[in-house]
């Protein structure tokens, strides 16, 4: 009996992977799309990091306003808000260096952070202090040690977000972050492994594979590797020369569709296309799959994956995130989720009347994301359609001449956008017909 039990347990252990990867995501407070997305997919994340707090020069903490709807959507994950040294639209490295290099301010700041974590019932905090000069290296390490001690005393966790690097850097930013010192006390170290090409560089891949490999190798050499979480991008850039603007997956796909160009993938698997004098690189599910497969096959001991940011992603990415967390494996590639618009292509109304039509979607391959609808008049007829949910109401002015007028209906959801051209057929005003009979 005992032998049978042991054999059963052994088989059970062998039937499951030895390790499942931790997953986390940064959640921007300024993108309302994150709330419905996390309402569906928060269960696929171990930890969420909403950007709710900022460091002040006097050691206090500024709150940007916690959204109770977002907090409710994050139920079931470790809630660890991010605190940043973000001042007047940019990271203030000098201010952060002054905080961590001063014994009194360092103590005051660590106390303020630990208190807000405990008082608000958070599971911990994520510290993202960027652009600090290398002269802040020792002070920042001491600050991290101090904050970790205070948080751990209350059974809370510390995450530290760091720049990507492939060797020990001495310049500002990466040079201020001592990975061995940080990794010794933090519960997780999130490595921003993106922006290899950035908004003011030439166009190119945001996280090329060989660069990711070098970053992960350096992490293995300097961090307790189970604490290391490789931060991957869910966004892209659209460049004109060396002037790039950040784009989400849905924005990039809409631009490619509008320009009538095909999205291809470079040797790194990153989605890319060019139109006019512009070139875009961005992330879709195929790009994300290629990155995690590359890392898992070469650095399987890494602790997990962090992601910037919720609201920018290809919705098909979530199936991969879920599998990484649950099984430690990259799932077999599934058919792409999509939808089609279902609704009338032709509508008829007399001048001086109105007509209401309802549109819906036909889900393809399990598409289940919420959708929104908009309408654009192609052929002017004197009015603009009113949208309520997925219904379109068209009030035709009495002065509109009989004829056919095109309206473009657009439905968007889950990073996918589809258009349908609807033809409005306007007939003679009813009162005019009655007068003609008399």
Protein backbone atom coordinates (compact mmCIF):
# COMPACT_ATOMS: atom_id res chain seq x y z
CA UNK A 1 0.00 0.00 0.00
CA UNK A 2 2.77 2.42 0.99
CA UNK A 3 4.75 1.55 -2.15
CA UNK A 4 1.70 2.18 -4.33
CA UNK A 5 1.14 5.54 -2.67
CA UNK A 6 4.77 6.54 -3.22
CA UNK A 7 4.57 5.51 -6.88
CA UNK A 8 1.35 7.49 -7.36
CA UNK A 9 2.89 10.57 -5.80
CA UNK A 10 5.99 10.21 -7.95
CA UNK A 11 3.90 9.95 -11.09
CA UNK A 12 1.86 12.98 -10.01
CA UNK A 13 5.01 15.03 -9.53
CA UNK A 14 6.37 13.95 -12.91
CA UNK A 15 3.12 14.91 -14.62
CA UNK A 16 3.56 18.58 -13.64
CA UNK A 17 6.43 20.94 -14.54
CA UNK A 18 9.10 21.45 -11.94
CA UNK A 19 8.64 25.21 -12.04
CA UNK A 20 6.00 27.72 -13.08
CA UNK A 21 7.09 31.25 -13.87
CA UNK A 22 5.89 34.23 -11.89
CA UNK A 23 4.08 36.85 -13.95
CA UNK A 24 3.51 40.53 -13.24
CA UNK A 25 2.50 43.66 -15.10
CA UNK A 26 2.78 47.39 -14.62
CA UNK A 27 -0.60 49.09 -14.73
CA UNK A 28 -0.74 52.75 -15.85
CA UNK A 29 -3.17 54.87 -13.87
CA UNK A 30 -3.88 57.00 -16.96
CA UNK A 31 -5.22 54.25 -19.23
CA UNK A 32 -8.83 53.40 -18.40
CA UNK A 33 -8.65 50.42 -20.80
CA UNK A 34 -6.62 48.59 -18.15
CA UNK A 35 -9.63 48.19 -15.87
CA UNK A 36 -11.81 45.97 -18.09
CA UNK A 37 -8.75 44.06 -19.30
CA UNK A 38 -7.68 43.19 -15.75
CA UNK A 39 -11.26 42.35 -14.88
CA UNK A 40 -10.80 39.40 -17.25
CA UNK A 41 -7.07 38.64 -16.99
CA UNK A 42 -5.90 39.54 -13.47
CA UNK A 43 -6.06 35.84 -12.64
CA UNK A 44 -3.18 35.30 -15.10
CA UNK A 45 -0.86 37.49 -13.00
CA UNK A 46 0.85 36.77 -9.68
CA UNK A 47 1.51 40.44 -9.06
CA UNK A 48 0.26 43.79 -10.33
CA UNK A 49 2.05 47.13 -10.11
CA UNK A 50 -0.25 50.14 -10.60
CA UNK A 51 1.58 53.47 -10.76
CA UNK A 52 -0.05 55.18 -7.80
CA UNK A 53 2.84 56.84 -5.92
CA UNK A 54 5.66 59.35 -6.39
CA UNK A 55 8.65 60.28 -4.25
CA UNK A 56 8.88 63.84 -2.94
CA UNK A 57 12.18 65.66 -2.37
CA UNK A 58 11.48 65.96 1.37
CA UNK A 59 11.13 62.17 1.79
CA UNK A 60 7.34 62.12 1.85
CA UNK A 61 5.24 60.25 -0.70
CA UNK A 62 2.73 61.75 -3.12
CA UNK A 63 -0.33 59.69 -4.06
CA UNK A 64 -1.72 60.03 -7.58
CA UNK A 65 -5.12 58.66 -6.61
CA UNK A 66 -5.99 55.00 -6.17
CA UNK A 67 -8.84 53.92 -8.43
CA UNK A 68 -11.21 51.64 -6.46
CA UNK A 69 -12.43 50.05 -9.69
CA UNK A 70 -8.88 49.07 -10.57
CA UNK A 71 -8.21 47.76 -7.07
CA UNK A 72 -11.34 45.60 -7.32
CA UNK A 73 -10.18 44.27 -10.70
CA UNK A 74 -6.83 43.25 -9.17
CA UNK A 75 -8.43 40.88 -6.66
CA UNK A 76 -6.46 37.64 -6.48
CA UNK A 77 -3.06 39.12 -7.35
CA UNK A 78 -0.35 40.47 -5.10
CA UNK A 79 -1.07 44.21 -5.12
CA UNK A 80 2.29 46.01 -5.08
CA UNK A 81 1.95 49.59 -6.37
CA UNK A 82 4.90 51.27 -8.03
CA UNK A 83 6.54 54.36 -6.55
CA UNK A 84 8.60 56.47 -8.97
CA UNK A 85 10.89 59.50 -8.84
CA UNK A 86 8.73 61.12 -11.51
CA UNK A 87 8.50 64.93 -11.30
CA UNK A 88 6.89 67.30 -13.81
CA UNK A 89 6.73 64.76 -16.59
CA UNK A 90 10.14 63.09 -16.28
CA UNK A 91 12.30 61.02 -13.94
CA UNK A 92 14.31 63.25 -11.60
CA UNK A 93 17.51 61.36 -10.87
CA UNK A 94 19.10 64.20 -8.91
CA UNK A 95 16.15 64.39 -6.51
CA UNK A 96 16.20 60.62 -5.93
CA UNK A 97 19.98 60.68 -5.39
CA UNK A 98 19.58 63.37 -2.73
CA UNK A 99 16.97 61.21 -0.99
CA UNK A 100 19.04 58.03 -0.85
CA UNK A 101 22.38 59.71 -0.12
CA UNK A 102 21.09 61.56 2.95
CA UNK A 103 20.92 59.45 6.10
CA UNK A 104 17.96 61.40 7.53
CA UNK A 105 15.98 61.64 4.28
CA UNK A 106 16.65 57.98 3.49
CA UNK A 107 15.23 56.93 6.86
CA UNK A 108 12.25 59.26 6.53
CA UNK A 109 11.50 58.05 2.99
CA UNK A 110 11.74 54.36 3.87
CA UNK A 111 9.42 54.94 6.85
CA UNK A 112 6.88 56.78 4.67
CA UNK A 113 6.79 53.97 2.08
CA UNK A 114 6.54 51.19 4.68
CA UNK A 115 3.72 53.00 6.46
CA UNK A 116 1.65 53.54 3.32
CA UNK A 117 2.02 49.85 2.40
CA UNK A 118 0.79 48.72 5.82
CA UNK A 119 -1.95 51.34 6.18
CA UNK A 120 -3.41 50.63 2.74
CA UNK A 121 -3.24 46.86 3.06
CA UNK A 122 -0.94 46.39 0.07
CA UNK A 123 1.16 43.24 -0.29
CA UNK A 124 4.28 45.31 -0.86
CA UNK A 125 5.79 48.04 -3.03
CA UNK A 126 7.68 48.23 -6.33
CA UNK A 127 10.44 50.88 -6.39
CA UNK A 128 11.23 52.36 -9.80
CA UNK A 129 13.84 55.14 -9.38
CA UNK A 130 15.43 56.03 -12.70
CA UNK A 131 18.18 58.32 -14.05
CA UNK A 132 20.09 58.49 -10.77
CA UNK A 133 23.79 59.34 -11.12
CA UNK A 134 26.28 56.60 -10.33
CA UNK A 135 27.24 58.55 -7.19
CA UNK A 136 23.94 57.32 -5.72
CA UNK A 137 24.96 53.66 -6.01
CA UNK A 138 25.92 53.06 -2.37
CA UNK A 139 23.11 55.23 -1.05
CA UNK A 140 20.51 53.44 -3.15
CA UNK A 141 21.76 50.02 -2.01
CA UNK A 142 21.53 51.18 1.62
CA UNK A 143 18.03 52.54 1.00
CA UNK A 144 16.87 49.25 -0.52
CA UNK A 145 18.30 47.32 2.45
CA UNK A 146 16.57 49.67 4.89
CA UNK A 147 13.22 49.53 3.10
CA UNK A 148 13.37 45.75 2.77
CA UNK A 149 13.98 45.43 6.52
CA UNK A 150 10.99 47.64 7.37
CA UNK A 151 8.67 45.88 4.94
CA UNK A 152 9.71 42.37 5.93
CA UNK A 153 9.09 43.24 9.59
CA UNK A 154 5.41 43.66 8.60
CA UNK A 155 5.41 40.60 6.34
CA UNK A 156 5.35 42.79 3.22
CA UNK A 157 7.34 42.39 0.01
CA UNK A 158 9.79 44.58 -1.89
CA UNK A 159 10.21 44.66 -5.66
CA UNK A 160 12.93 46.81 -7.24
CA UNK A 161 12.78 47.77 -10.91
CA UNK A 162 16.18 48.17 -12.58
CA UNK A 163 17.63 49.12 -15.94
CA UNK A 164 18.67 46.39 -18.31
CA UNK A 165 22.43 45.84 -18.52
CA UNK A 166 24.79 43.18 -19.78
CA UNK A 167 27.72 44.11 -17.53
CA UNK A 168 28.32 46.33 -14.52
CA UNK A 169 27.75 49.86 -15.84
CA UNK A 170 29.28 53.05 -14.46
CA UNK A 171 27.12 55.67 -16.19
CA UNK A 172 24.01 57.35 -14.79
CA UNK A 173 20.95 55.16 -14.49
CA UNK A 174 22.30 51.60 -14.58
CA UNK A 175 25.44 52.66 -12.70
CA UNK A 176 23.38 53.59 -9.65
CA UNK A 177 21.96 50.08 -9.34
CA UNK A 178 24.14 47.42 -7.70
CA UNK A 179 22.40 44.19 -8.71
CA UNK A 180 24.11 41.89 -6.16
CA UNK A 181 23.31 44.29 -3.29
CA UNK A 182 19.70 44.75 -4.44
CA UNK A 183 19.12 41.06 -5.10
CA UNK A 184 20.39 40.12 -1.64
CA UNK A 185 17.46 41.84 0.09
CA UNK A 186 14.63 42.45 -2.41
CA UNK A 187 11.97 39.80 -3.00
CA UNK A 188 12.07 40.37 -6.73
CA UNK A 189 14.16 42.36 -9.20
CA UNK A 190 12.34 43.46 -12.35
CA UNK A 191 14.69 44.13 -15.26
CA UNK A 192 13.42 46.58 -17.88
CA UNK A 193 14.59 44.58 -20.88
CA UNK A 194 13.16 46.94 -23.48
CA UNK A 195 13.96 50.19 -25.29
CA UNK A 196 17.05 48.83 -27.03
CA UNK A 197 15.72 51.15 -29.69
CA UNK A 198 13.85 54.08 -28.20
CA UNK A 199 11.84 57.16 -29.17
CA UNK A 200 14.83 59.25 -30.26
CA UNK A 201 16.96 56.49 -31.80
CA UNK A 202 16.76 55.12 -35.31
CA UNK A 203 13.95 52.62 -35.89
CA UNK A 204 14.68 49.09 -34.77
CA UNK A 205 13.62 46.19 -32.53
CA UNK A 206 12.74 47.15 -28.97
CA UNK A 207 13.97 43.90 -27.40
CA UNK A 208 16.26 42.02 -29.80
CA UNK A 209 16.85 38.39 -28.87
CA UNK A 210 20.64 38.47 -28.54
CA UNK A 211 20.35 41.45 -26.17
CA UNK A 212 17.77 39.60 -24.05
CA UNK A 213 20.15 36.63 -23.90
CA UNK A 214 23.01 38.84 -22.65
CA UNK A 215 20.79 40.50 -20.02
CA UNK A 216 19.57 37.15 -18.70
CA UNK A 217 23.15 35.83 -18.61
CA UNK A 218 24.28 38.81 -16.53
CA UNK A 219 21.29 38.32 -14.22
CA UNK A 220 22.33 34.71 -13.66
CA UNK A 221 25.80 35.92 -12.68
CA UNK A 222 24.70 38.67 -10.27
CA UNK A 223 21.24 37.88 -8.86
CA UNK A 224 19.54 35.00 -7.06
CA UNK A 225 18.04 33.94 -10.37
CA UNK A 226 14.64 32.96 -8.96
CA UNK A 227 14.23 36.62 -7.90
CA UNK A 228 14.94 37.91 -11.40
CA UNK A 229 11.93 38.86 -13.51
CA UNK A 230 12.66 39.82 -17.09
CA UNK A 231 10.56 42.83 -18.10
CA UNK A 232 9.23 42.49 -21.64
CA UNK A 233 7.49 45.12 -23.80
CA UNK A 234 3.87 45.03 -24.89
CA UNK A 235 4.17 48.32 -26.84
CA UNK A 236 6.02 49.66 -29.85
CA UNK A 237 7.27 52.82 -31.56
CA UNK A 238 6.37 54.46 -34.84
CA UNK A 239 9.35 56.44 -36.15
CA UNK A 240 9.90 59.17 -38.69
CA UNK A 241 13.70 59.21 -38.82
CA UNK A 242 14.83 59.41 -35.19
CA UNK A 243 11.55 60.85 -33.94
CA UNK A 244 9.44 58.02 -32.57
CA UNK A 245 6.10 57.93 -30.78
CA UNK A 246 4.97 55.08 -28.56
CA UNK A 247 2.15 52.96 -29.97
CA UNK A 248 -0.01 50.19 -28.59
CA UNK A 249 -0.71 46.99 -30.49
CA UNK A 250 -4.15 48.23 -31.56
CA UNK A 251 -2.77 51.60 -32.69
CA UNK A 252 -0.02 49.96 -34.73
CA UNK A 253 -2.44 47.55 -36.40
CA UNK A 254 -4.87 50.36 -37.18
CA UNK A 255 -2.08 52.39 -38.83
CA UNK A 256 -0.95 49.43 -40.91
CA UNK A 257 -4.53 48.79 -41.98
CA UNK A 258 -5.13 52.44 -42.81
CA UNK A 259 -1.93 52.60 -44.87
CA UNK A 260 -2.79 49.35 -46.64
CA UNK A 261 0.53 47.69 -45.76
CA UNK A 262 1.37 44.20 -44.52
CA UNK A 263 2.79 43.59 -41.05
CA UNK A 264 5.92 41.42 -41.22
CA UNK A 265 8.36 40.11 -38.59
CA UNK A 266 12.10 40.78 -38.43
CA UNK A 267 14.77 38.22 -37.50
CA UNK A 268 13.95 38.82 -33.81
CA UNK A 269 10.31 38.05 -34.40
CA UNK A 270 9.25 41.66 -33.79
CA UNK A 271 6.28 42.92 -35.78
CA UNK A 272 7.24 45.71 -38.17
CA UNK A 273 5.97 47.65 -41.17
CA UNK A 274 6.85 50.78 -43.11
CA UNK A 275 4.59 53.35 -44.73
CA UNK A 276 5.52 56.63 -46.36
CA UNK A 277 8.63 57.87 -44.53
CA UNK A 278 7.77 56.04 -41.30
CA UNK A 279 8.73 52.66 -39.79
CA UNK A 280 7.09 50.93 -36.86
CA UNK A 281 8.28 48.11 -34.61
CA UNK A 282 5.83 46.70 -32.07
CA UNK A 283 4.79 43.59 -30.19
CA UNK A 284 2.14 41.09 -31.18
CA UNK A 285 1.52 37.60 -29.82
CA UNK A 286 4.04 36.09 -32.25
CA UNK A 287 6.73 38.53 -31.11
CA UNK A 288 6.01 37.88 -27.44
CA UNK A 289 5.98 34.11 -27.99
CA UNK A 290 9.38 34.27 -29.71
CA UNK A 291 10.89 36.20 -26.79
CA UNK A 292 9.66 33.92 -24.01
CA UNK A 293 10.56 30.78 -25.98
CA UNK A 294 14.06 32.19 -26.47
CA UNK A 295 14.51 32.94 -22.76
CA UNK A 296 12.90 29.75 -21.44
CA UNK A 297 15.05 27.59 -23.73
CA UNK A 298 18.30 29.29 -22.61
CA UNK A 299 17.61 30.53 -19.08
CA UNK A 300 14.90 28.25 -17.70
CA UNK A 301 15.78 29.08 -14.09
CA UNK A 302 14.74 32.73 -14.35
CA UNK A 303 12.07 33.72 -11.84
CA UNK A 304 9.48 35.04 -14.24
CA UNK A 305 8.35 37.81 -16.54
CA UNK A 306 7.18 41.37 -15.92
CA UNK A 307 5.42 43.41 -18.60
CA UNK A 308 5.06 47.07 -19.61
CA UNK A 309 2.15 47.66 -19.90
CA UNK A 310 -1.49 46.57 -19.47
CA UNK A 311 -3.62 48.20 -22.15
CA UNK A 312 -0.93 48.16 -24.85
CA UNK A 313 -0.94 44.43 -25.54
CA UNK A 314 -2.15 42.11 -28.28
CA UNK A 315 -5.00 40.27 -26.48
CA UNK A 316 -3.69 36.94 -27.75
CA UNK A 317 -0.66 37.42 -25.47
CA UNK A 318 -2.75 36.58 -22.39
CA UNK A 319 -3.00 32.89 -23.32
CA UNK A 320 0.80 32.68 -23.28
CA UNK A 321 1.05 34.55 -19.96
CA UNK A 322 -1.53 32.23 -18.41
CA UNK A 323 0.35 29.12 -19.53
CA UNK A 324 3.72 30.43 -18.29
CA UNK A 325 2.21 31.03 -14.87
CA UNK A 326 0.22 27.81 -14.62
CA UNK A 327 2.53 25.28 -16.28
CA UNK A 328 5.89 26.93 -16.87
CA UNK A 329 5.54 26.21 -20.58
CA UNK A 330 4.88 28.23 -23.70
CA UNK A 331 1.62 26.86 -25.11
CA UNK A 332 1.24 25.53 -28.61
CA UNK A 333 0.33 28.32 -30.98
CA UNK A 334 -3.43 28.69 -31.13
CA UNK A 335 -5.56 30.15 -33.91
CA UNK A 336 -5.77 33.90 -33.56
CA UNK A 337 -8.81 35.28 -31.76
CA UNK A 338 -10.82 37.71 -33.82
CA UNK A 339 -14.35 38.89 -34.48
CA UNK A 340 -16.56 39.97 -37.36
CA UNK A 341 -19.21 42.70 -37.38
CA UNK A 342 -22.78 41.49 -37.66
CA UNK A 343 -25.39 44.05 -38.67
CA UNK A 344 -27.21 45.57 -41.67
CA UNK A 345 -25.18 46.85 -44.60
CA UNK A 346 -28.11 48.87 -45.95
CA UNK A 347 -30.61 51.00 -44.02
CA UNK A 348 -33.46 53.12 -45.36
CA UNK A 349 -35.13 56.21 -43.90
CA UNK A 350 -37.24 59.01 -45.24
CA UNK A 351 -36.00 62.58 -44.95
CA UNK A 352 -37.27 64.06 -41.70
CA UNK A 353 -37.32 60.70 -39.86
CA UNK A 354 -34.83 58.65 -37.91
CA UNK A 355 -33.74 55.03 -37.86
CA UNK A 356 -31.97 52.98 -35.19
CA UNK A 357 -29.91 49.90 -35.97
CA UNK A 358 -28.08 47.51 -33.68
CA UNK A 359 -24.74 45.84 -34.41
CA UNK A 360 -23.05 42.93 -32.70
CA UNK A 361 -19.96 40.81 -33.14
CA UNK A 362 -19.45 37.24 -34.24
CA UNK A 363 -16.62 35.82 -32.11
CA UNK A 364 -13.85 33.92 -33.90
CA UNK A 365 -11.67 31.42 -32.01
CA UNK A 366 -13.05 32.33 -28.61
CA UNK A 367 -12.78 36.11 -28.77
CA UNK A 368 -14.38 37.47 -25.58
CA UNK A 369 -13.04 41.00 -25.02
CA UNK A 370 -15.41 43.97 -24.65
CA UNK A 371 -15.91 46.07 -27.78
CA UNK A 372 -16.80 49.70 -28.46
CA UNK A 373 -18.41 51.19 -31.55
CA UNK A 374 -18.02 54.45 -33.45
CA UNK A 375 -19.35 55.82 -36.72
CA UNK A 376 -17.92 58.18 -39.35
CA UNK A 377 -19.89 59.85 -42.12
CA UNK A 378 -18.32 59.33 -45.54
CA UNK A 379 -20.97 61.08 -47.66
CA UNK A 380 -22.38 64.09 -45.84
CA UNK A 381 -26.16 64.13 -45.44
CA UNK A 382 -26.50 66.90 -42.87
CA UNK A 383 -26.25 64.95 -39.61
CA UNK A 384 -23.92 62.78 -37.53
CA UNK A 385 -25.02 59.34 -36.29
CA UNK A 386 -25.44 58.97 -32.52
CA UNK A 387 -23.87 55.91 -30.90
CA UNK A 388 -25.19 54.24 -27.76
CA UNK A 389 -23.35 51.05 -26.88
CA UNK A 390 -23.50 49.08 -30.12
CA UNK A 391 -26.58 50.84 -31.51
CA UNK A 392 -26.49 53.58 -34.14
CA UNK A 393 -29.28 56.14 -34.39
CA UNK A 394 -29.49 58.23 -37.55
CA UNK A 395 -31.76 61.28 -37.62
CA UNK A 396 -32.11 62.35 -41.26
CA UNK A 397 -32.79 66.07 -41.73
CA UNK A 398 -35.89 66.94 -43.68
CA UNK A 399 -33.69 68.86 -46.11
CA UNK A 400 -31.59 65.82 -47.08
CA UNK A 401 -31.95 65.00 -50.76
CA UNK A 402 -32.97 61.46 -51.70
CA UNK A 403 -29.98 59.25 -52.44
CA UNK A 404 -27.40 56.88 -51.01
CA UNK A 405 -24.99 58.00 -48.28
CA UNK A 406 -22.15 55.92 -46.84
CA UNK A 407 -21.40 55.63 -43.10
CA UNK A 408 -18.39 53.72 -41.77
CA UNK A 409 -19.12 51.73 -38.61
CA UNK A 410 -16.01 50.76 -36.60
CA UNK A 411 -15.96 48.22 -33.77
CA UNK A 412 -12.84 47.95 -31.61
CA UNK A 413 -11.91 45.53 -28.85
CA UNK A 414 -8.97 43.50 -27.61
CA UNK A 415 -6.55 45.43 -29.80
CA UNK A 416 -8.55 44.52 -32.94
CA UNK A 417 -10.47 46.98 -35.07
CA UNK A 418 -12.87 46.21 -37.92
CA UNK A 419 -14.86 48.51 -40.19
CA UNK A 420 -18.09 48.00 -42.06
CA UNK A 421 -19.47 50.42 -44.64
CA UNK A 422 -23.20 50.96 -44.18
CA UNK A 423 -25.25 52.60 -46.92
CA UNK A 424 -28.06 54.91 -45.80
CA UNK A 425 -30.76 55.14 -48.46
CA UNK A 426 -32.74 58.36 -48.02
CA UNK A 427 -36.19 58.56 -49.60
CA UNK A 428 -38.45 61.56 -50.16
CA UNK A 429 -39.82 63.22 -47.03
CA UNK A 430 -43.15 61.71 -45.98
CA UNK A 431 -44.98 65.04 -45.72
CA UNK A 432 -43.94 65.82 -49.29
CA UNK A 433 -45.56 62.62 -50.52
CA UNK A 434 -48.81 63.46 -48.68
CA UNK A 435 -48.92 66.94 -50.25
CA UNK A 436 -48.36 65.40 -53.68
CA UNK A 437 -51.40 63.10 -53.19
CA UNK A 438 -53.63 66.08 -52.39
